[in-house]
Amino acid sequence: MKNPHDIIIKPVLTEKSYDYLPSKTYTFVVDKRSNKTEIRQAVEAAFGVKVDSVHTINRLGKLRRQGRTQGRRASTKKAYVKLKKDSKGIEFFDSMTQ
């Protein structure tokens, strides 16, 4: 298995992601080449929790213009990780809700 910190890039802290916290669903930006099994193993290894399901979304980078030239921002992959009912929460996110 790869290093968990190479797969999980950063947490997503938005209003929508805060709405999912009571149902133990956490959102992360992950490596674009990782699959659901690798994401599950990385979250379990990094935070010591039990993962129930993983949903992923590939986001295309926004089109940006500067004068005549145009390009794209980097594309990203986002993962929604739902924990099992009997699993403890992730401490980093738990401190955000209080």
PDB file of N, CA and C in Angstrom:
ATOM      1  N   MET A   1       0.842  -1.192   0.000  1.00  0.00           N
ATOM      2  CA  MET A   1       0.000   0.000   0.000  1.00  0.00           C
ATOM      3  C   MET A   1       0.880   1.245   0.000  1.00  0.00           C
ATOM      4  N   LYS A   2       0.428   2.275  -0.652  1.00  0.00           N
ATOM      5  CA  LYS A   2       1.120   3.555  -0.666  1.00  0.00           C
ATOM      6  C   LYS A   2       1.012   4.211   0.704  1.00  0.00           C
ATOM      7  N   ASN A   3       1.803   5.238   0.910  1.00  0.00           N
ATOM      8  CA  ASN A   3       1.724   6.021   2.138  1.00  0.00           C
ATOM      9  C   ASN A   3       0.361   6.737   2.175  1.00  0.00           C
ATOM     10  N   PRO A   4      -0.375   6.663   3.278  1.00  0.00           N
ATOM     11  CA  PRO A   4      -1.705   7.297   3.342  1.00  0.00           C
ATOM     12  C   PRO A   4      -1.660   8.796   3.076  1.00  0.00           C
ATOM     13  N   HIS A   5      -0.549   9.446   3.435  1.00  0.00           N
ATOM     14  CA  HIS A   5      -0.463  10.886   3.250  1.00  0.00           C
ATOM     15  C   HIS A   5      -0.167  11.261   1.797  1.00  0.00           C
ATOM     16  N   ASP A   6       0.208  10.289   0.967  1.00  0.00           N
ATOM     17  CA  ASP A   6       0.341  10.534  -0.463  1.00  0.00           C
ATOM     18  C   ASP A   6      -1.006  10.443  -1.163  1.00  0.00           C
ATOM     19  N   ILE A   7      -1.932   9.696  -0.594  1.00  0.00           N
ATOM     20  CA  ILE A   7      -3.265   9.532  -1.186  1.00  0.00           C
ATOM     21  C   ILE A   7      -4.199  10.652  -0.731  1.00  0.00           C
ATOM     22  N   ILE A   8      -4.242  10.937   0.568  1.00  0.00           N
ATOM     23  CA  ILE A   8      -5.099  11.998   1.103  1.00  0.00           C
ATOM     24  C   ILE A   8      -4.314  13.302   1.040  1.00  0.00           C
ATOM     25  N   ILE A   9      -4.752  14.223   0.204  1.00  0.00           N
ATOM     26  CA  ILE A   9      -4.024  15.482   0.034  1.00  0.00           C
ATOM     27  C   ILE A   9      -4.438  16.504   1.083  1.00  0.00           C
ATOM     28  N   LYS A  10      -5.753  16.758   1.218  1.00  0.00           N
ATOM     29  CA  LYS A  10      -6.217  17.714   2.216  1.00  0.00           C
ATOM     30  C   LYS A  10      -7.707  17.511   2.463  1.00  0.00           C
ATOM     31  N   PRO A  11      -8.207  17.950   3.625  1.00  0.00           N
ATOM     32  CA  PRO A  11      -9.651  17.886   3.867  1.00  0.00           C
ATOM     33  C   PRO A  11     -10.355  19.042   3.158  1.00  0.00           C
ATOM     34  N   VAL A  12     -11.618  18.842   2.870  1.00  0.00           N
ATOM     35  CA  VAL A  12     -12.437  19.891   2.264  1.00  0.00           C
ATOM     36  C   VAL A  12     -13.288  20.491   3.376  1.00  0.00           C
ATOM     37  N   LEU A  13     -13.155  21.802   3.595  1.00  0.00           N
ATOM     38  CA  LEU A  13     -13.877  22.487   4.664  1.00  0.00           C
ATOM     39  C   LEU A  13     -14.802  23.533   4.050  1.00  0.00           C
ATOM     40  N   THR A  14     -15.982  23.087   3.651  1.00  0.00           N
ATOM     41  CA  THR A  14     -16.980  23.976   3.064  1.00  0.00           C
ATOM     42  C   THR A  14     -18.291  23.807   3.820  1.00  0.00           C
ATOM     43  N   GLU A  15     -19.258  24.654   3.514  1.00  0.00           N
ATOM     44  CA  GLU A  15     -20.555  24.549   4.168  1.00  0.00           C
ATOM     45  C   GLU A  15     -21.216  23.218   3.868  1.00  0.00           C
ATOM     46  N   LYS A  16     -21.085  22.751   2.640  1.00  0.00           N
ATOM     47  CA  LYS A  16     -21.687  21.476   2.268  1.00  0.00           C
ATOM     48  C   LYS A  16     -21.034  20.325   3.028  1.00  0.00           C
ATOM     49  N   SER A  17     -19.710  20.370   3.171  1.00  0.00           N
ATOM     50  CA  SER A  17     -19.040  19.282   3.889  1.00  0.00           C
ATOM     51  C   SER A  17     -19.385  19.309   5.375  1.00  0.00           C
ATOM     52  N   TYR A  18     -19.628  20.500   5.941  1.00  0.00           N
ATOM     53  CA  TYR A  18     -20.040  20.583   7.340  1.00  0.00           C
ATOM     54  C   TYR A  18     -21.423  19.972   7.548  1.00  0.00           C
ATOM     55  N   ASP A  19     -22.299  20.044   6.539  1.00  0.00           N
ATOM     56  CA  ASP A  19     -23.634  19.456   6.656  1.00  0.00           C
ATOM     57  C   ASP A  19     -23.580  17.935   6.745  1.00  0.00           C
ATOM     58  N   TYR A  20     -22.512  17.316   6.200  1.00  0.00           N
ATOM     59  CA  TYR A  20     -22.378  15.864   6.215  1.00  0.00           C
ATOM     60  C   TYR A  20     -21.749  15.337   7.505  1.00  0.00           C
ATOM     61  N   LEU A  21     -21.177  16.183   8.341  1.00  0.00           N
ATOM     62  CA  LEU A  21     -20.469  15.717   9.539  1.00  0.00           C
ATOM     63  C   LEU A  21     -21.356  14.963  10.532  1.00  0.00           C
ATOM     64  N   PRO A  22     -22.596  15.373  10.801  1.00  0.00           N
ATOM     65  CA  PRO A  22     -23.411  14.594  11.747  1.00  0.00           C
ATOM     66  C   PRO A  22     -23.662  13.151  11.302  1.00  0.00           C
ATOM     67  N   SER A  23     -23.649  12.877  10.008  1.00  0.00           N
ATOM     68  CA  SER A  23     -23.850  11.510   9.524  1.00  0.00           C
ATOM     69  C   SER A  23     -22.527  10.768   9.333  1.00  0.00           C
ATOM     70  N   LYS A  24     -21.442  11.320   9.901  1.00  0.00           N
ATOM     71  CA  LYS A  24     -20.102  10.723   9.842  1.00  0.00           C
ATOM     72  C   LYS A  24     -19.614  10.544   8.403  1.00  0.00           C
ATOM     73  N   THR A  25     -19.873  11.531   7.560  1.00  0.00           N
ATOM     74  CA  THR A  25     -19.364  11.540   6.196  1.00  0.00           C
ATOM     75  C   THR A  25     -18.369  12.683   6.083  1.00  0.00           C
ATOM     76  N   TYR A  26     -17.137  12.356   5.705  1.00  0.00           N
ATOM     77  CA  TYR A  26     -16.050  13.320   5.650  1.00  0.00           C
ATOM     78  C   TYR A  26     -15.574  13.462   4.215  1.00  0.00           C
ATOM     79  N   THR A  27     -15.131  14.659   3.846  1.00  0.00           N
ATOM     80  CA  THR A  27     -14.752  14.961   2.474  1.00  0.00           C
ATOM     81  C   THR A  27     -13.266  15.286   2.403  1.00  0.00           C
ATOM     82  N   PHE A  28     -12.577  14.689   1.415  1.00  0.00           N
ATOM     83  CA  PHE A  28     -11.151  14.899   1.226  1.00  0.00           C
ATOM     84  C   PHE A  28     -10.839  15.123  -0.247  1.00  0.00           C
ATOM     85  N   VAL A  29      -9.800  15.904  -0.523  1.00  0.00           N
ATOM     86  CA  VAL A  29      -9.202  15.951  -1.855  1.00  0.00           C
ATOM     87  C   VAL A  29      -8.153  14.855  -1.871  1.00  0.00           C
ATOM     88  N   VAL A  30      -8.216  13.974  -2.858  1.00  0.00           N
ATOM     89  CA  VAL A  30      -7.319  12.819  -2.905  1.00  0.00           C
ATOM     90  C   VAL A  30      -6.536  12.819  -4.215  1.00  0.00           C
ATOM     91  N   ASP A  31      -5.524  11.968  -4.280  1.00  0.00           N
ATOM     92  CA  ASP A  31      -4.720  11.813  -5.476  1.00  0.00           C
ATOM     93  C   ASP A  31      -5.601  11.334  -6.631  1.00  0.00           C
ATOM     94  N   LYS A  32      -5.421  11.911  -7.808  1.00  0.00           N
ATOM     95  CA  LYS A  32      -6.279  11.584  -8.957  1.00  0.00           C
ATOM     96  C   LYS A  32      -6.128  10.138  -9.409  1.00  0.00           C
ATOM     97  N   ARG A  33      -4.981   9.523  -9.151  1.00  0.00           N
ATOM     98  CA  ARG A  33      -4.744   8.156  -9.614  1.00  0.00           C
ATOM     99  C   ARG A  33      -5.210   7.104  -8.611  1.00  0.00           C
ATOM    100  N   SER A  34      -5.659   7.506  -7.432  1.00  0.00           N
ATOM    101  CA  SER A  34      -6.064   6.534  -6.419  1.00  0.00           C
ATOM    102  C   SER A  34      -7.477   6.033  -6.674  1.00  0.00           C
ATOM    103  N   ASN A  35      -7.734   4.788  -6.246  1.00  0.00           N
ATOM    104  CA  ASN A  35      -9.073   4.221  -6.408  1.00  0.00           C
ATOM    105  C   ASN A  35      -9.748   4.143  -5.039  1.00  0.00           C
ATOM    106  N   LYS A  36     -10.983   3.657  -5.011  1.00  0.00           N
ATOM    107  CA  LYS A  36     -11.766   3.648  -3.778  1.00  0.00           C
ATOM    108  C   LYS A  36     -11.149   2.752  -2.708  1.00  0.00           C
ATOM    109  N   THR A  37     -10.570   1.630  -3.109  1.00  0.00           N
ATOM    110  CA  THR A  37      -9.955   0.721  -2.145  1.00  0.00           C
ATOM    111  C   THR A  37      -8.740   1.373  -1.489  1.00  0.00           C
ATOM    112  N   GLU A  38      -7.926   2.047  -2.269  1.00  0.00           N
ATOM    113  CA  GLU A  38      -6.758   2.726  -1.719  1.00  0.00           C
ATOM    114  C   GLU A  38      -7.165   3.866  -0.791  1.00  0.00           C
ATOM    115  N   ILE A  39      -8.226   4.593  -1.146  1.00  0.00           N
ATOM    116  CA  ILE A  39      -8.709   5.685  -0.301  1.00  0.00           C
ATOM    117  C   ILE A  39      -9.220   5.130   1.015  1.00  0.00           C
ATOM    118  N   ARG A  40      -9.963   4.019   0.969  1.00  0.00           N
ATOM    119  CA  ARG A  40     -10.480   3.385   2.183  1.00  0.00           C
ATOM    120  C   ARG A  40      -9.339   2.979   3.107  1.00  0.00           C
ATOM    121  N   GLN A  41      -8.322   2.318   2.558  1.00  0.00           N
ATOM    122  CA  GLN A  41      -7.190   1.859   3.357  1.00  0.00           C
ATOM    123  C   GLN A  41      -6.397   3.039   3.918  1.00  0.00           C
ATOM    124  N   ALA A  42      -6.260   4.116   3.150  1.00  0.00           N
ATOM    125  CA  ALA A  42      -5.514   5.283   3.609  1.00  0.00           C
ATOM    126  C   ALA A  42      -6.218   5.980   4.774  1.00  0.00           C
ATOM    127  N   VAL A  43      -7.543   6.128   4.692  1.00  0.00           N
ATOM    128  CA  VAL A  43      -8.295   6.780   5.775  1.00  0.00           C
ATOM    129  C   VAL A  43      -8.257   5.922   7.034  1.00  0.00           C
ATOM    130  N   GLU A  44      -8.418   4.606   6.875  1.00  0.00           N
ATOM    131  CA  GLU A  44      -8.369   3.721   8.032  1.00  0.00           C
ATOM    132  C   GLU A  44      -6.992   3.746   8.689  1.00  0.00           C
ATOM    133  N   ALA A  45      -5.927   3.795   7.890  1.00  0.00           N
ATOM    134  CA  ALA A  45      -4.573   3.811   8.449  1.00  0.00           C
ATOM    135  C   ALA A  45      -4.225   5.164   9.069  1.00  0.00           C
ATOM    136  N   ALA A  46      -4.629   6.253   8.447  1.00  0.00           N
ATOM    137  CA  ALA A  46      -4.246   7.583   8.921  1.00  0.00           C
ATOM    138  C   ALA A  46      -5.013   8.006  10.167  1.00  0.00           C
ATOM    139  N   PHE A  47      -6.305   7.661  10.250  1.00  0.00           N
ATOM    140  CA  PHE A  47      -7.138   8.155  11.342  1.00  0.00           C
ATOM    141  C   PHE A  47      -7.586   7.075  12.314  1.00  0.00           C
ATOM    142  N   GLY A  48      -7.345   5.806  12.039  1.00  0.00           N
ATOM    143  CA  GLY A  48      -7.729   4.728  12.944  1.00  0.00           C
ATOM    144  C   GLY A  48      -9.229   4.556  13.073  1.00  0.00           C
ATOM    145  N   VAL A  49      -9.956   4.632  11.962  1.00  0.00           N
ATOM    146  CA  VAL A  49     -11.411   4.493  11.960  1.00  0.00           C
ATOM    147  C   VAL A  49     -11.797   3.350  11.038  1.00  0.00           C
ATOM    148  N   LYS A  50     -13.103   2.982  11.054  1.00  0.00           N
ATOM    149  CA  LYS A  50     -13.634   1.953  10.165  1.00  0.00           C
ATOM    150  C   LYS A  50     -14.489   2.630   9.101  1.00  0.00           C
ATOM    151  N   VAL A  51     -14.169   2.396   7.828  1.00  0.00           N
ATOM    152  CA  VAL A  51     -14.870   3.047   6.717  1.00  0.00           C
ATOM    153  C   VAL A  51     -15.987   2.140   6.219  1.00  0.00           C
ATOM    154  N   ASP A  52     -17.164   2.729   6.027  1.00  0.00           N
ATOM    155  CA  ASP A  52     -18.310   1.999   5.494  1.00  0.00           C
ATOM    156  C   ASP A  52     -18.340   2.078   3.972  1.00  0.00           C
ATOM    157  N   SER A  53     -18.260   3.298   3.413  1.00  0.00           N
ATOM    158  CA  SER A  53     -18.313   3.446   1.959  1.00  0.00           C
ATOM    159  C   SER A  53     -17.489   4.650   1.522  1.00  0.00           C
ATOM    160  N   VAL A  54     -17.109   4.631   0.242  1.00  0.00           N
ATOM    161  CA  VAL A  54     -16.342   5.728  -0.361  1.00  0.00           C
ATOM    162  C   VAL A  54     -16.990   6.081  -1.693  1.00  0.00           C
ATOM    163  N   HIS A  55     -17.269   7.361  -1.894  1.00  0.00           N
ATOM    164  CA  HIS A  55     -17.781   7.867  -3.168  1.00  0.00           C
ATOM    165  C   HIS A  55     -16.784   8.884  -3.687  1.00  0.00           C
ATOM    166  N   THR A  56     -16.473   8.832  -4.981  1.00  0.00           N
ATOM    167  CA  THR A  56     -15.488   9.744  -5.552  1.00  0.00           C
ATOM    168  C   THR A  56     -16.095  10.571  -6.676  1.00  0.00           C
ATOM    169  N   ILE A  57     -15.509  11.757  -6.863  1.00  0.00           N
ATOM    170  CA  ILE A  57     -15.926  12.679  -7.915  1.00  0.00           C
ATOM    171  C   ILE A  57     -14.666  13.226  -8.572  1.00  0.00           C
ATOM    172  N   ASN A  58     -14.596  13.171  -9.909  1.00  0.00           N
ATOM    173  CA  ASN A  58     -13.515  13.803 -10.648  1.00  0.00           C
ATOM    174  C   ASN A  58     -13.989  15.196 -11.069  1.00  0.00           C
ATOM    175  N   ARG A  59     -13.215  16.211 -10.675  1.00  0.00           N
ATOM    176  CA  ARG A  59     -13.576  17.590 -10.998  1.00  0.00           C
ATOM    177  C   ARG A  59     -12.612  18.133 -12.036  1.00  0.00           C
ATOM    178  N   LEU A  60     -13.140  18.593 -13.147  1.00  0.00           N
ATOM    179  CA  LEU A  60     -12.335  19.197 -14.201  1.00  0.00           C
ATOM    180  C   LEU A  60     -11.931  20.602 -13.775  1.00  0.00           C
ATOM    181  N   GLY A  61     -10.691  20.991 -14.053  1.00  0.00           N
ATOM    182  CA  GLY A  61     -10.212  22.315 -13.674  1.00  0.00           C
ATOM    183  C   GLY A  61     -10.976  23.417 -14.390  1.00  0.00           C
ATOM    184  N   LYS A  62     -11.125  24.562 -13.720  1.00  0.00           N
ATOM    185  CA  LYS A  62     -11.850  25.690 -14.306  1.00  0.00           C
ATOM    186  C   LYS A  62     -11.048  26.295 -15.448  1.00  0.00           C
ATOM    187  N   LEU A  63     -11.751  26.739 -16.453  1.00  0.00           N
ATOM    188  CA  LEU A  63     -11.135  27.433 -17.572  1.00  0.00           C
ATOM    189  C   LEU A  63     -10.809  28.858 -17.139  1.00  0.00           C
ATOM    190  N   ARG A  64      -9.560  29.273 -17.301  1.00  0.00           N
ATOM    191  CA  ARG A  64      -9.121  30.604 -16.885  1.00  0.00           C
ATOM    192  C   ARG A  64      -8.546  31.346 -18.086  1.00  0.00           C
ATOM    193  N   ARG A  65      -8.800  32.653 -18.151  1.00  0.00           N
ATOM    194  CA  ARG A  65      -8.268  33.465 -19.235  1.00  0.00           C
ATOM    195  C   ARG A  65      -7.431  34.593 -18.668  1.00  0.00           C
ATOM    196  N   GLN A  66      -6.379  34.929 -19.402  1.00  0.00           N
ATOM    197  CA  GLN A  66      -5.592  36.100 -19.072  1.00  0.00           C
ATOM    198  C   GLN A  66      -5.238  36.761 -20.403  1.00  0.00           C
ATOM    199  N   GLY A  67      -6.011  37.783 -20.732  1.00  0.00           N
ATOM    200  CA  GLY A  67      -5.855  38.389 -22.051  1.00  0.00           C
ATOM    201  C   GLY A  67      -6.373  37.451 -23.119  1.00  0.00           C
ATOM    202  N   ARG A  68      -5.541  37.193 -24.134  1.00  0.00           N
ATOM    203  CA  ARG A  68      -5.952  36.303 -25.212  1.00  0.00           C
ATOM    204  C   ARG A  68      -5.729  34.837 -24.890  1.00  0.00           C
ATOM    205  N   THR A  69      -4.793  34.565 -24.022  1.00  0.00           N
ATOM    206  CA  THR A  69      -4.459  33.169 -23.730  1.00  0.00           C
ATOM    207  C   THR A  69      -5.412  32.605 -22.692  1.00  0.00           C
ATOM    208  N   GLN A  70      -5.651  31.333 -22.818  1.00  0.00           N
ATOM    209  CA  GLN A  70      -6.496  30.676 -21.826  1.00  0.00           C
ATOM    210  C   GLN A  70      -5.909  29.319 -21.483  1.00  0.00           C
ATOM    211  N   GLY A  71      -6.203  28.873 -20.302  1.00  0.00           N
ATOM    212  CA  GLY A  71      -5.724  27.587 -19.836  1.00  0.00           C
ATOM    213  C   GLY A  71      -6.666  27.058 -18.784  1.00  0.00           C
ATOM    214  N   ARG A  72      -6.259  25.998 -18.130  1.00  0.00           N
ATOM    215  CA  ARG A  72      -7.102  25.387 -17.104  1.00  0.00           C
ATOM    216  C   ARG A  72      -6.355  25.295 -15.784  1.00  0.00           C
ATOM    217  N   ARG A  73      -7.113  25.391 -14.713  1.00  0.00           N
ATOM    218  CA  ARG A  73      -6.564  25.063 -13.410  1.00  0.00           C
ATOM    219  C   ARG A  73      -6.412  23.549 -13.339  1.00  0.00           C
ATOM    220  N   ALA A  74      -5.694  23.084 -12.350  1.00  0.00           N
ATOM    221  CA  ALA A  74      -5.476  21.648 -12.217  1.00  0.00           C
ATOM    222  C   ALA A  74      -6.786  20.931 -11.882  1.00  0.00           C
ATOM    223  N   SER A  75      -6.980  19.764 -12.459  1.00  0.00           N
ATOM    224  CA  SER A  75      -8.137  18.933 -12.145  1.00  0.00           C
ATOM    225  C   SER A  75      -7.889  18.239 -10.808  1.00  0.00           C
ATOM    226  N   THR A  76      -8.974  17.945 -10.078  1.00  0.00           N
ATOM    227  CA  THR A  76      -8.850  17.310  -8.770  1.00  0.00           C
ATOM    228  C   THR A  76      -9.830  16.150  -8.653  1.00  0.00           C
ATOM    229  N   LYS A  77      -9.613  15.342  -7.640  1.00  0.00           N
ATOM    230  CA  LYS A  77     -10.509  14.241  -7.318  1.00  0.00           C
ATOM    231  C   LYS A  77     -10.930  14.410  -5.866  1.00  0.00           C
ATOM    232  N   LYS A  78     -12.225  14.315  -5.617  1.00  0.00           N
ATOM    233  CA  LYS A  78     -12.770  14.501  -4.280  1.00  0.00           C
ATOM    234  C   LYS A  78     -13.403  13.198  -3.825  1.00  0.00           C
ATOM    235  N   ALA A  79     -13.209  12.846  -2.553  1.00  0.00           N
ATOM    236  CA  ALA A  79     -13.761  11.607  -2.010  1.00  0.00           C
ATOM    237  C   ALA A  79     -14.643  11.915  -0.809  1.00  0.00           C
ATOM    238  N   TYR A  80     -15.838  11.325  -0.808  1.00  0.00           N
ATOM    239  CA  TYR A  80     -16.734  11.376   0.340  1.00  0.00           C
ATOM    240  C   TYR A  80     -16.608  10.038   1.062  1.00  0.00           C
ATOM    241  N   VAL A  81     -16.127  10.072   2.301  1.00  0.00           N
ATOM    242  CA  VAL A  81     -15.861   8.854   3.065  1.00  0.00           C
ATOM    243  C   VAL A  81     -16.874   8.775   4.195  1.00  0.00           C
ATOM    244  N   LYS A  82     -17.690   7.709   4.192  1.00  0.00           N
ATOM    245  CA  LYS A  82     -18.688   7.502   5.253  1.00  0.00           C
ATOM    246  C   LYS A  82     -18.158   6.443   6.201  1.00  0.00           C
ATOM    247  N   LEU A  83     -18.186   6.755   7.499  1.00  0.00           N
ATOM    248  CA  LEU A  83     -17.698   5.828   8.509  1.00  0.00           C
ATOM    249  C   LEU A  83     -18.828   4.939   8.999  1.00  0.00           C
ATOM    250  N   LYS A  84     -18.450   3.787   9.573  1.00  0.00           N
ATOM    251  CA  LYS A  84     -19.445   2.877  10.138  1.00  0.00           C
ATOM    252  C   LYS A  84     -20.041   3.491  11.394  1.00  0.00           C
ATOM    253  N   LYS A  85     -21.237   3.035  11.756  1.00  0.00           N
ATOM    254  CA  LYS A  85     -21.957   3.584  12.909  1.00  0.00           C
ATOM    255  C   LYS A  85     -21.178   3.410  14.210  1.00  0.00           C
ATOM    256  N   ASP A  86     -20.504   2.254  14.371  1.00  0.00           N
ATOM    257  CA  ASP A  86     -19.801   1.988  15.627  1.00  0.00           C
ATOM    258  C   ASP A  86     -18.390   2.570  15.647  1.00  0.00           C
ATOM    259  N   SER A  87     -17.970   3.226  14.581  1.00  0.00           N
ATOM    260  CA  SER A  87     -16.630   3.807  14.509  1.00  0.00           C
ATOM    261  C   SER A  87     -16.601   5.167  15.198  1.00  0.00           C
ATOM    262  N   LYS A  88     -15.446   5.503  15.752  1.00  0.00           N
ATOM    263  CA  LYS A  88     -15.307   6.840  16.340  1.00  0.00           C
ATOM    264  C   LYS A  88     -15.137   7.852  15.220  1.00  0.00           C
ATOM    265  N   GLY A  89     -15.381   9.113  15.506  1.00  0.00           N
ATOM    266  CA  GLY A  89     -15.244  10.154  14.491  1.00  0.00           C
ATOM    267  C   GLY A  89     -13.789  10.562  14.320  1.00  0.00           C
ATOM    268  N   ILE A  90     -13.522  11.350  13.299  1.00  0.00           N
ATOM    269  CA  ILE A  90     -12.183  11.872  13.065  1.00  0.00           C
ATOM    270  C   ILE A  90     -12.033  13.136  13.899  1.00  0.00           C
ATOM    271  N   GLU A  91     -11.020  13.160  14.759  1.00  0.00           N
ATOM    272  CA  GLU A  91     -10.875  14.238  15.741  1.00  0.00           C
ATOM    273  C   GLU A  91     -10.727  15.607  15.096  1.00  0.00           C
ATOM    274  N   PHE A  92     -10.033  15.683  13.961  1.00  0.00           N
ATOM    275  CA  PHE A  92      -9.838  16.965  13.292  1.00  0.00           C
ATOM    276  C   PHE A  92     -11.176  17.613  12.942  1.00  0.00           C
ATOM    277  N   PHE A  93     -12.108  16.838  12.409  1.00  0.00           N
ATOM    278  CA  PHE A  93     -13.410  17.368  12.013  1.00  0.00           C
ATOM    279  C   PHE A  93     -14.318  17.557  13.224  1.00  0.00           C
ATOM    280  N   ASP A  94     -14.178  16.720  14.253  1.00  0.00           N
ATOM    281  CA  ASP A  94     -15.028  16.846  15.424  1.00  0.00           C
ATOM    282  C   ASP A  94     -14.809  18.169  16.149  1.00  0.00           C
ATOM    283  N   SER A  95     -13.583  18.678  16.122  1.00  0.00           N
ATOM    284  CA  SER A  95     -13.302  19.946  16.770  1.00  0.00           C
ATOM    285  C   SER A  95     -13.920  21.115  15.986  1.00  0.00           C
ATOM    286  N   MET A  96     -14.228  20.906  14.712  1.00  0.00           N
ATOM    287  CA  MET A  96     -14.824  21.959  13.889  1.00  0.00           C
ATOM    288  C   MET A  96     -16.304  22.159  14.195  1.00  0.00           C
ATOM    289  N   THR A  97     -16.999  21.111  14.617  1.00  0.00           N
ATOM    290  CA  THR A  97     -18.443  21.187  14.781  1.00  0.00           C
ATOM    291  C   THR A  97     -18.852  21.792  16.113  1.00  0.00           C
ATOM    292  N   GLN A  98     -17.944  21.903  17.033  1.00  0.00           N
ATOM    293  CA  GLN A  98     -18.338  22.408  18.370  1.00  0.00           C
ATOM    294  C   GLN A  98     -18.171  23.883  18.495  1.00  0.00           C
TER     295      GLN A  98
END
